[in-house]
Amino acid sequence: FLTGMPTYLILVEMQIRCFQLAWHKNRFRTL
């Protein structure tokens, strides 16, 4: 269970972070 847990946690975290940034790309470019 713990062998698969790290890749699952980082995948969920990165999906949230990546696509939240993708939604605000223009704001990021302005910054």
PDB file of all heavy atoms in Angstrom:
ATOM      1  N   PHE A   1       0.833  -1.204   0.000  1.00  0.00           N
ATOM      2  CA  PHE A   1       0.000   0.000   0.000  1.00  0.00           C
ATOM      3  C   PHE A   1       0.873   1.261   0.000  1.00  0.00           C
ATOM      4  O   PHE A   1       0.647   2.189  -0.779  1.00  0.00           O
ATOM      5  CB  PHE A   1      -0.917  -0.016   1.222  1.00  0.00           C
ATOM      6  CG  PHE A   1      -1.844   1.164   1.302  1.00  0.00           C
ATOM      7  CD1 PHE A   1      -3.036   1.185   0.583  1.00  0.00           C
ATOM      8  CD2 PHE A   1      -1.543   2.262   2.098  1.00  0.00           C
ATOM      9  CE1 PHE A   1      -3.893   2.279   0.661  1.00  0.00           C
ATOM     10  CE2 PHE A   1      -2.384   3.347   2.183  1.00  0.00           C
ATOM     11  CZ  PHE A   1      -3.568   3.359   1.459  1.00  0.00           C
ATOM     12  N   LEU A   2       1.895   1.265   0.854  1.00  0.00           N
ATOM     13  CA  LEU A   2       2.768   2.442   0.948  1.00  0.00           C
ATOM     14  C   LEU A   2       3.744   2.527  -0.217  1.00  0.00           C
ATOM     15  O   LEU A   2       4.333   3.581  -0.443  1.00  0.00           O
ATOM     16  CB  LEU A   2       3.525   2.424   2.274  1.00  0.00           C
ATOM     17  CG  LEU A   2       2.664   2.724   3.499  1.00  0.00           C
ATOM     18  CD1 LEU A   2       3.455   2.552   4.775  1.00  0.00           C
ATOM     19  CD2 LEU A   2       2.091   4.132   3.425  1.00  0.00           C
ATOM     20  N   THR A   3       3.925   1.423  -0.957  1.00  0.00           N
ATOM     21  CA  THR A   3       4.738   1.494  -2.169  1.00  0.00           C
ATOM     22  C   THR A   3       4.048   2.343  -3.238  1.00  0.00           C
ATOM     23  O   THR A   3       4.687   3.103  -3.969  1.00  0.00           O
ATOM     24  CB  THR A   3       4.995   0.081  -2.721  1.00  0.00           C
ATOM     25  OG1 THR A   3       5.706  -0.682  -1.739  1.00  0.00           O
ATOM     26  CG2 THR A   3       5.817   0.129  -3.999  1.00  0.00           C
ATOM     27  N   GLY A   4       2.721   2.219  -3.313  1.00  0.00           N
ATOM     28  CA  GLY A   4       1.971   2.996  -4.301  1.00  0.00           C
ATOM     29  C   GLY A   4       1.518   4.348  -3.818  1.00  0.00           C
ATOM     30  O   GLY A   4       1.141   5.209  -4.629  1.00  0.00           O
ATOM     31  N   MET A   5       1.557   4.577  -2.495  1.00  0.00           N
ATOM     32  CA  MET A   5       1.040   5.831  -1.950  1.00  0.00           C
ATOM     33  C   MET A   5       1.816   7.071  -2.419  1.00  0.00           C
ATOM     34  O   MET A   5       1.195   8.080  -2.791  1.00  0.00           O
ATOM     35  CB  MET A   5       1.017   5.758  -0.419  1.00  0.00           C
ATOM     36  CG  MET A   5       0.500   7.016   0.260  1.00  0.00           C
ATOM     37  SD  MET A   5      -1.203   7.441  -0.252  1.00  0.00           S
ATOM     38  CE  MET A   5      -2.126   6.182   0.635  1.00  0.00           C
ATOM     39  N   PRO A   6       3.172   7.078  -2.417  1.00  0.00           N
ATOM     40  CA  PRO A   6       3.870   8.309  -2.813  1.00  0.00           C
ATOM     41  C   PRO A   6       3.533   8.767  -4.229  1.00  0.00           C
ATOM     42  O   PRO A   6       3.316   9.966  -4.464  1.00  0.00           O
ATOM     43  CB  PRO A   6       5.352   7.932  -2.684  1.00  0.00           C
ATOM     44  CG  PRO A   6       5.376   6.819  -1.690  1.00  0.00           C
ATOM     45  CD  PRO A   6       4.119   6.059  -1.940  1.00  0.00           C
ATOM     46  N   THR A   7       3.524   7.821  -5.201  1.00  0.00           N
ATOM     47  CA  THR A   7       3.239   8.233  -6.581  1.00  0.00           C
ATOM     48  C   THR A   7       1.800   8.732  -6.713  1.00  0.00           C
ATOM     49  O   THR A   7       1.529   9.655  -7.489  1.00  0.00           O
ATOM     50  CB  THR A   7       3.474   7.063  -7.548  1.00  0.00           C
ATOM     51  OG1 THR A   7       2.791   5.899  -7.078  1.00  0.00           O
ATOM     52  CG2 THR A   7       4.953   6.754  -7.670  1.00  0.00           C
ATOM     53  N   TYR A   8       0.872   8.134  -5.949  1.00  0.00           N
ATOM     54  CA  TYR A   8      -0.517   8.603  -6.010  1.00  0.00           C
ATOM     55  C   TYR A   8      -0.642  10.000  -5.408  1.00  0.00           C
ATOM     56  O   TYR A   8      -1.300  10.884  -5.985  1.00  0.00           O
ATOM     57  CB  TYR A   8      -1.430   7.629  -5.267  1.00  0.00           C
ATOM     58  CG  TYR A   8      -2.876   8.075  -5.258  1.00  0.00           C
ATOM     59  CD1 TYR A   8      -3.641   8.056  -6.428  1.00  0.00           C
ATOM     60  CD2 TYR A   8      -3.470   8.548  -4.084  1.00  0.00           C
ATOM     61  CE1 TYR A   8      -4.961   8.487  -6.430  1.00  0.00           C
ATOM     62  CE2 TYR A   8      -4.786   8.972  -4.076  1.00  0.00           C
ATOM     63  CZ  TYR A   8      -5.526   8.950  -5.252  1.00  0.00           C
ATOM     64  OH  TYR A   8      -6.843   9.380  -5.247  1.00  0.00           O
ATOM     65  N   LEU A   9      -0.008  10.235  -4.255  1.00  0.00           N
ATOM     66  CA  LEU A   9      -0.091  11.550  -3.614  1.00  0.00           C
ATOM     67  C   LEU A   9       0.500  12.641  -4.494  1.00  0.00           C
ATOM     68  O   LEU A   9      -0.096  13.715  -4.659  1.00  0.00           O
ATOM     69  CB  LEU A   9       0.629  11.515  -2.266  1.00  0.00           C
ATOM     70  CG  LEU A   9      -0.053  10.772  -1.122  1.00  0.00           C
ATOM     71  CD1 LEU A   9       0.826  10.768   0.117  1.00  0.00           C
ATOM     72  CD2 LEU A   9      -1.406  11.388  -0.800  1.00  0.00           C
ATOM     73  N   ILE A  10       1.686  12.367  -5.063  1.00  0.00           N
ATOM     74  CA  ILE A  10       2.325  13.407  -5.876  1.00  0.00           C
ATOM     75  C   ILE A  10       1.547  13.637  -7.153  1.00  0.00           C
ATOM     76  O   ILE A  10       1.500  14.762  -7.683  1.00  0.00           O
ATOM     77  CB  ILE A  10       3.805  13.038  -6.176  1.00  0.00           C
ATOM     78  CG1 ILE A  10       4.597  14.292  -6.579  1.00  0.00           C
ATOM     79  CG2 ILE A  10       3.911  11.989  -7.261  1.00  0.00           C
ATOM     80  CD1 ILE A  10       4.742  15.306  -5.492  1.00  0.00           C
ATOM     81  N   LEU A  11       0.886  12.595  -7.674  1.00  0.00           N
ATOM     82  CA  LEU A  11       0.087  12.750  -8.884  1.00  0.00           C
ATOM     83  C   LEU A  11      -1.114  13.648  -8.629  1.00  0.00           C
ATOM     84  O   LEU A  11      -1.422  14.551  -9.423  1.00  0.00           O
ATOM     85  CB  LEU A  11      -0.374  11.374  -9.376  1.00  0.00           C
ATOM     86  CG  LEU A  11      -1.034  11.337 -10.751  1.00  0.00           C
ATOM     87  CD1 LEU A  11      -0.031  11.677 -11.847  1.00  0.00           C
ATOM     88  CD2 LEU A  11      -1.625   9.948 -11.013  1.00  0.00           C
ATOM     89  N   VAL A  12      -1.799  13.421  -7.511  1.00  0.00           N
ATOM     90  CA  VAL A  12      -2.956  14.259  -7.173  1.00  0.00           C
ATOM     91  C   VAL A  12      -2.510  15.696  -6.923  1.00  0.00           C
ATOM     92  O   VAL A  12      -3.127  16.654  -7.415  1.00  0.00           O
ATOM     93  CB  VAL A  12      -3.686  13.696  -5.938  1.00  0.00           C
ATOM     94  CG1 VAL A  12      -4.812  14.635  -5.505  1.00  0.00           C
ATOM     95  CG2 VAL A  12      -4.255  12.315  -6.235  1.00  0.00           C
ATOM     96  N   GLU A  13      -1.414  15.856  -6.162  1.00  0.00           N
ATOM     97  CA  GLU A  13      -0.903  17.204  -5.880  1.00  0.00           C
ATOM     98  C   GLU A  13      -0.552  17.943  -7.165  1.00  0.00           C
ATOM     99  O   GLU A  13      -0.925  19.109  -7.351  1.00  0.00           O
ATOM    100  CB  GLU A  13       0.333  17.112  -4.987  1.00  0.00           C
ATOM    101  CG  GLU A  13       0.966  18.462  -4.702  1.00  0.00           C
ATOM    102  CD  GLU A  13       2.337  18.354  -4.057  1.00  0.00           C
ATOM    103  OE1 GLU A  13       2.643  17.299  -3.478  1.00  0.00           O
ATOM    104  OE2 GLU A  13       3.118  19.339  -4.130  1.00  0.00           O
ATOM    105  N   MET A  14       0.162  17.264  -8.057  1.00  0.00           N
ATOM    106  CA  MET A  14       0.598  17.918  -9.286  1.00  0.00           C
ATOM    107  C   MET A  14      -0.563  18.196 -10.234  1.00  0.00           C
ATOM    108  O   MET A  14      -0.557  19.189 -10.962  1.00  0.00           O
ATOM    109  CB  MET A  14       1.649  17.062  -9.995  1.00  0.00           C
ATOM    110  CG  MET A  14       3.002  17.062  -9.328  1.00  0.00           C
ATOM    111  SD  MET A  14       3.748  18.728  -9.248  1.00  0.00           S
ATOM    112  CE  MET A  14       3.486  19.102  -7.519  1.00  0.00           C
ATOM    113  N   GLN A  15      -1.576  17.333 -10.224  1.00  0.00           N
ATOM    114  CA  GLN A  15      -2.734  17.612 -11.074  1.00  0.00           C
ATOM    115  C   GLN A  15      -3.428  18.881 -10.615  1.00  0.00           C
ATOM    116  O   GLN A  15      -3.827  19.720 -11.432  1.00  0.00           O
ATOM    117  CB  GLN A  15      -3.721  16.442 -11.057  1.00  0.00           C
ATOM    118  CG  GLN A  15      -4.893  16.657 -12.010  1.00  0.00           C
ATOM    119  CD  GLN A  15      -5.704  15.396 -12.248  1.00  0.00           C
ATOM    120  OE1 GLN A  15      -5.505  14.379 -11.593  1.00  0.00           O
ATOM    121  NE2 GLN A  15      -6.620  15.451 -13.194  1.00  0.00           N
ATOM    122  N   ILE A  16      -3.549  19.048  -9.307  1.00  0.00           N
ATOM    123  CA  ILE A  16      -4.170  20.267  -8.776  1.00  0.00           C
ATOM    124  C   ILE A  16      -3.312  21.486  -9.105  1.00  0.00           C
ATOM    125  O   ILE A  16      -3.807  22.502  -9.621  1.00  0.00           O
ATOM    126  CB  ILE A  16      -4.381  20.143  -7.259  1.00  0.00           C
ATOM    127  CG1 ILE A  16      -5.364  19.021  -6.940  1.00  0.00           C
ATOM    128  CG2 ILE A  16      -4.890  21.469  -6.683  1.00  0.00           C
ATOM    129  CD1 ILE A  16      -5.477  18.711  -5.456  1.00  0.00           C
ATOM    130  N   ARG A  17      -2.017  21.395  -8.820  1.00  0.00           N
ATOM    131  CA  ARG A  17      -1.149  22.556  -9.009  1.00  0.00           C
ATOM    132  C   ARG A  17      -0.947  22.899 -10.479  1.00  0.00           C
ATOM    133  O   ARG A  17      -1.021  24.077 -10.873  1.00  0.00           O
ATOM    134  CB  ARG A  17       0.202  22.291  -8.350  1.00  0.00           C
ATOM    135  CG  ARG A  17       0.167  22.330  -6.830  1.00  0.00           C
ATOM    136  CD  ARG A  17       1.477  21.858  -6.206  1.00  0.00           C
ATOM    137  NE  ARG A  17       2.613  22.649  -6.665  1.00  0.00           N
ATOM    138  CZ  ARG A  17       3.873  22.374  -6.357  1.00  0.00           C
ATOM    139  NH1 ARG A  17       4.148  21.330  -5.601  1.00  0.00           N
ATOM    140  NH2 ARG A  17       4.853  23.146  -6.807  1.00  0.00           N
ATOM    141  N   CYS A  18      -0.691  21.891 -11.305  1.00  0.00           N
ATOM    142  CA  CYS A  18      -0.432  22.141 -12.731  1.00  0.00           C
ATOM    143  C   CYS A  18      -1.629  22.779 -13.417  1.00  0.00           C
ATOM    144  O   CYS A  18      -1.492  23.780 -14.129  1.00  0.00           O
ATOM    145  CB  CYS A  18      -0.075  20.840 -13.442  1.00  0.00           C
ATOM    146  SG  CYS A  18       1.627  20.306 -13.207  1.00  0.00           S
ATOM    147  N   PHE A  19      -2.793  22.208 -13.199  1.00  0.00           N
ATOM    148  CA  PHE A  19      -3.946  22.682 -13.958  1.00  0.00           C
ATOM    149  C   PHE A  19      -4.574  23.925 -13.330  1.00  0.00           C
ATOM    150  O   PHE A  19      -5.262  24.682 -14.026  1.00  0.00           O
ATOM    151  CB  PHE A  19      -4.953  21.550 -14.134  1.00  0.00           C
ATOM    152  CG  PHE A  19      -4.460  20.493 -15.092  1.00  0.00           C
ATOM    153  CD1 PHE A  19      -3.810  19.360 -14.633  1.00  0.00           C
ATOM    154  CD2 PHE A  19      -4.597  20.673 -16.461  1.00  0.00           C
ATOM    155  CE1 PHE A  19      -3.321  18.405 -15.517  1.00  0.00           C
ATOM    156  CE2 PHE A  19      -4.120  19.724 -17.354  1.00  0.00           C
ATOM    157  CZ  PHE A  19      -3.473  18.594 -16.879  1.00  0.00           C
ATOM    158  N   GLN A  20      -4.309  24.181 -12.044  1.00  0.00           N
ATOM    159  CA  GLN A  20      -4.690  25.479 -11.490  1.00  0.00           C
ATOM    160  C   GLN A  20      -3.846  26.575 -12.122  1.00  0.00           C
ATOM    161  O   GLN A  20      -4.354  27.649 -12.460  1.00  0.00           O
ATOM    162  CB  GLN A  20      -4.502  25.469  -9.967  1.00  0.00           C
ATOM    163  CG  GLN A  20      -5.104  26.685  -9.258  1.00  0.00           C
ATOM    164  CD  GLN A  20      -4.156  27.855  -9.121  1.00  0.00           C
ATOM    165  OE1 GLN A  20      -2.940  27.713  -9.318  1.00  0.00           O
ATOM    166  NE2 GLN A  20      -4.690  29.024  -8.798  1.00  0.00           N
ATOM    167  N   LEU A  21      -2.552  26.294 -12.310  1.00  0.00           N
ATOM    168  CA  LEU A  21      -1.686  27.250 -13.002  1.00  0.00           C
ATOM    169  C   LEU A  21      -2.073  27.382 -14.466  1.00  0.00           C
ATOM    170  O   LEU A  21      -2.077  28.489 -15.022  1.00  0.00           O
ATOM    171  CB  LEU A  21      -0.229  26.808 -12.876  1.00  0.00           C
ATOM    172  CG  LEU A  21       0.832  27.641 -13.629  1.00  0.00           C
ATOM    173  CD1 LEU A  21       0.714  29.115 -13.290  1.00  0.00           C
ATOM    174  CD2 LEU A  21       2.231  27.131 -13.306  1.00  0.00           C
ATOM    175  N   ALA A  22      -2.418  26.266 -15.105  1.00  0.00           N
ATOM    176  CA  ALA A  22      -2.832  26.316 -16.507  1.00  0.00           C
ATOM    177  C   ALA A  22      -4.065  27.203 -16.685  1.00  0.00           C
ATOM    178  O   ALA A  22      -4.211  27.891 -17.700  1.00  0.00           O
ATOM    179  CB  ALA A  22      -3.114  24.905 -17.016  1.00  0.00           C
ATOM    180  N   TRP A  23      -4.944  27.195 -15.683  1.00  0.00           N
ATOM    181  CA  TRP A  23      -6.158  28.011 -15.754  1.00  0.00           C
ATOM    182  C   TRP A  23      -5.833  29.505 -15.653  1.00  0.00           C
ATOM    183  O   TRP A  23      -6.571  30.345 -16.148  1.00  0.00           O
ATOM    184  CB  TRP A  23      -7.110  27.604 -14.618  1.00  0.00           C
ATOM    185  CG  TRP A  23      -8.455  28.239 -14.674  1.00  0.00           C
ATOM    186  CD1 TRP A  23      -8.896  29.309 -13.953  1.00  0.00           C
ATOM    187  CD2 TRP A  23      -9.561  27.849 -15.504  1.00  0.00           C
ATOM    188  NE1 TRP A  23     -10.195  29.620 -14.271  1.00  0.00           N
ATOM    189  CE2 TRP A  23     -10.628  28.733 -15.215  1.00  0.00           C
ATOM    190  CE3 TRP A  23      -9.740  26.850 -16.450  1.00  0.00           C
ATOM    191  CZ2 TRP A  23     -11.858  28.630 -15.854  1.00  0.00           C
ATOM    192  CZ3 TRP A  23     -10.973  26.747 -17.084  1.00  0.00           C
ATOM    193  CH2 TRP A  23     -12.011  27.630 -16.786  1.00  0.00           C
ATOM    194  N   HIS A  24      -4.695  29.832 -15.004  1.00  0.00           N
ATOM    195  CA  HIS A  24      -4.319  31.241 -14.796  1.00  0.00           C
ATOM    196  C   HIS A  24      -3.013  31.571 -15.513  1.00  0.00           C
ATOM    197  O   HIS A  24      -2.199  32.356 -15.008  1.00  0.00           O
ATOM    198  CB  HIS A  24      -4.179  31.523 -13.301  1.00  0.00           C
ATOM    199  CG  HIS A  24      -5.446  31.353 -12.524  1.00  0.00           C
ATOM    200  ND1 HIS A  24      -6.494  32.242 -12.601  1.00  0.00           N
ATOM    201  CD2 HIS A  24      -5.843  30.384 -11.653  1.00  0.00           C
ATOM    202  CE1 HIS A  24      -7.476  31.848 -11.807  1.00  0.00           C
ATOM    203  NE2 HIS A  24      -7.105  30.721 -11.223  1.00  0.00           N
ATOM    204  N   LYS A  25      -2.796  30.997 -16.678  1.00  0.00           N
ATOM    205  CA  LYS A  25      -1.534  31.210 -17.387  1.00  0.00           C
ATOM    206  C   LYS A  25      -1.285  32.674 -17.730  1.00  0.00           C
ATOM    207  O   LYS A  25      -0.154  33.161 -17.638  1.00  0.00           O
ATOM    208  CB  LYS A  25      -1.517  30.386 -18.678  1.00  0.00           C
ATOM    209  CG  LYS A  25      -1.077  28.948 -18.499  1.00  0.00           C
ATOM    210  CD  LYS A  25      -0.896  28.293 -19.847  1.00  0.00           C
ATOM    211  CE  LYS A  25      -0.415  26.862 -19.705  1.00  0.00           C
ATOM    212  NZ  LYS A  25      -0.164  26.237 -21.017  1.00  0.00           N
ATOM    213  N   ASN A  26      -2.304  33.375 -18.150  1.00  0.00           N
ATOM    214  CA  ASN A  26      -2.117  34.775 -18.545  1.00  0.00           C
ATOM    215  C   ASN A  26      -1.681  35.623 -17.353  1.00  0.00           C
ATOM    216  O   ASN A  26      -0.835  36.524 -17.483  1.00  0.00           O
ATOM    217  CB  ASN A  26      -3.397  35.332 -19.159  1.00  0.00           C
ATOM    218  CG  ASN A  26      -3.697  34.720 -20.517  1.00  0.00           C
ATOM    219  OD1 ASN A  26      -2.800  34.201 -21.191  1.00  0.00           O
ATOM    220  ND2 ASN A  26      -4.944  34.762 -20.933  1.00  0.00           N
ATOM    221  N   ARG A  27      -2.263  35.341 -16.184  1.00  0.00           N
ATOM    222  CA  ARG A  27      -1.861  36.070 -14.972  1.00  0.00           C
ATOM    223  C   ARG A  27      -0.417  35.762 -14.610  1.00  0.00           C
ATOM    224  O   ARG A  27       0.343  36.653 -14.204  1.00  0.00           O
ATOM    225  CB  ARG A  27      -2.795  35.688 -13.817  1.00  0.00           C
ATOM    226  CG  ARG A  27      -2.566  36.494 -12.539  1.00  0.00           C
ATOM    227  CD  ARG A  27      -3.543  36.099 -11.456  1.00  0.00           C
ATOM    228  NE  ARG A  27      -3.260  34.750 -10.946  1.00  0.00           N
ATOM    229  CZ  ARG A  27      -4.045  34.112 -10.079  1.00  0.00           C
ATOM    230  NH1 ARG A  27      -5.162  34.691  -9.644  1.00  0.00           N
ATOM    231  NH2 ARG A  27      -3.723  32.905  -9.651  1.00  0.00           N
ATOM    232  N   PHE A  28      -0.029  34.503 -14.777  1.00  0.00           N
ATOM    233  CA  PHE A  28       1.353  34.102 -14.510  1.00  0.00           C
ATOM    234  C   PHE A  28       2.314  34.800 -15.472  1.00  0.00           C
ATOM    235  O   PHE A  28       3.378  35.273 -15.068  1.00  0.00           O
ATOM    236  CB  PHE A  28       1.467  32.588 -14.632  1.00  0.00           C
ATOM    237  CG  PHE A  28       2.851  32.044 -14.385  1.00  0.00           C
ATOM    238  CD1 PHE A  28       3.587  32.444 -13.281  1.00  0.00           C
ATOM    239  CD2 PHE A  28       3.416  31.132 -15.260  1.00  0.00           C
ATOM    240  CE1 PHE A  28       4.859  31.943 -13.047  1.00  0.00           C
ATOM    241  CE2 PHE A  28       4.690  30.626 -15.039  1.00  0.00           C
ATOM    242  CZ  PHE A  28       5.411  31.033 -13.929  1.00  0.00           C
ATOM    243  N   ARG A  29       1.937  34.899 -16.746  1.00  0.00           N
ATOM    244  CA  ARG A  29       2.778  35.583 -17.722  1.00  0.00           C
ATOM    245  C   ARG A  29       2.912  37.069 -17.378  1.00  0.00           C
ATOM    246  O   ARG A  29       4.014  37.641 -17.476  1.00  0.00           O
ATOM    247  CB  ARG A  29       2.189  35.428 -19.127  1.00  0.00           C
ATOM    248  CG  ARG A  29       3.042  36.053 -20.223  1.00  0.00           C
ATOM    249  CD  ARG A  29       2.371  35.887 -21.569  1.00  0.00           C
ATOM    250  NE  ARG A  29       1.084  36.555 -21.590  1.00  0.00           N
ATOM    251  CZ  ARG A  29       0.030  36.139 -22.307  1.00  0.00           C
ATOM    252  NH1 ARG A  29       0.125  35.069 -23.068  1.00  0.00           N
ATOM    253  NH2 ARG A  29      -1.111  36.793 -22.269  1.00  0.00           N
ATOM    254  N   THR A  30       1.820  37.704 -16.950  1.00  0.00           N
ATOM    255  CA  THR A  30       1.881  39.108 -16.548  1.00  0.00           C
ATOM    256  C   THR A  30       2.816  39.314 -15.368  1.00  0.00           C
ATOM    257  O   THR A  30       3.579  40.285 -15.315  1.00  0.00           O
ATOM    258  CB  THR A  30       0.472  39.609 -16.191  1.00  0.00           C
ATOM    259  OG1 THR A  30      -0.403  39.443 -17.324  1.00  0.00           O
ATOM    260  CG2 THR A  30       0.495  41.073 -15.794  1.00  0.00           C
ATOM    261  N   LEU A  31       2.787  38.369 -14.423  1.00  0.00           N
ATOM    262  CA  LEU A  31       3.686  38.445 -13.276  1.00  0.00           C
ATOM    263  C   LEU A  31       5.139  38.311 -13.713  1.00  0.00           C
ATOM    264  O   LEU A  31       6.017  39.047 -13.243  1.00  0.00           O
ATOM    265  CB  LEU A  31       3.327  37.347 -12.273  1.00  0.00           C
ATOM    266  CG  LEU A  31       4.153  37.309 -10.981  1.00  0.00           C
ATOM    267  CD1 LEU A  31       3.905  38.573 -10.156  1.00  0.00           C
ATOM    268  CD2 LEU A  31       3.815  36.072 -10.156  1.00  0.00           C
TER     269      LEU A  31
END
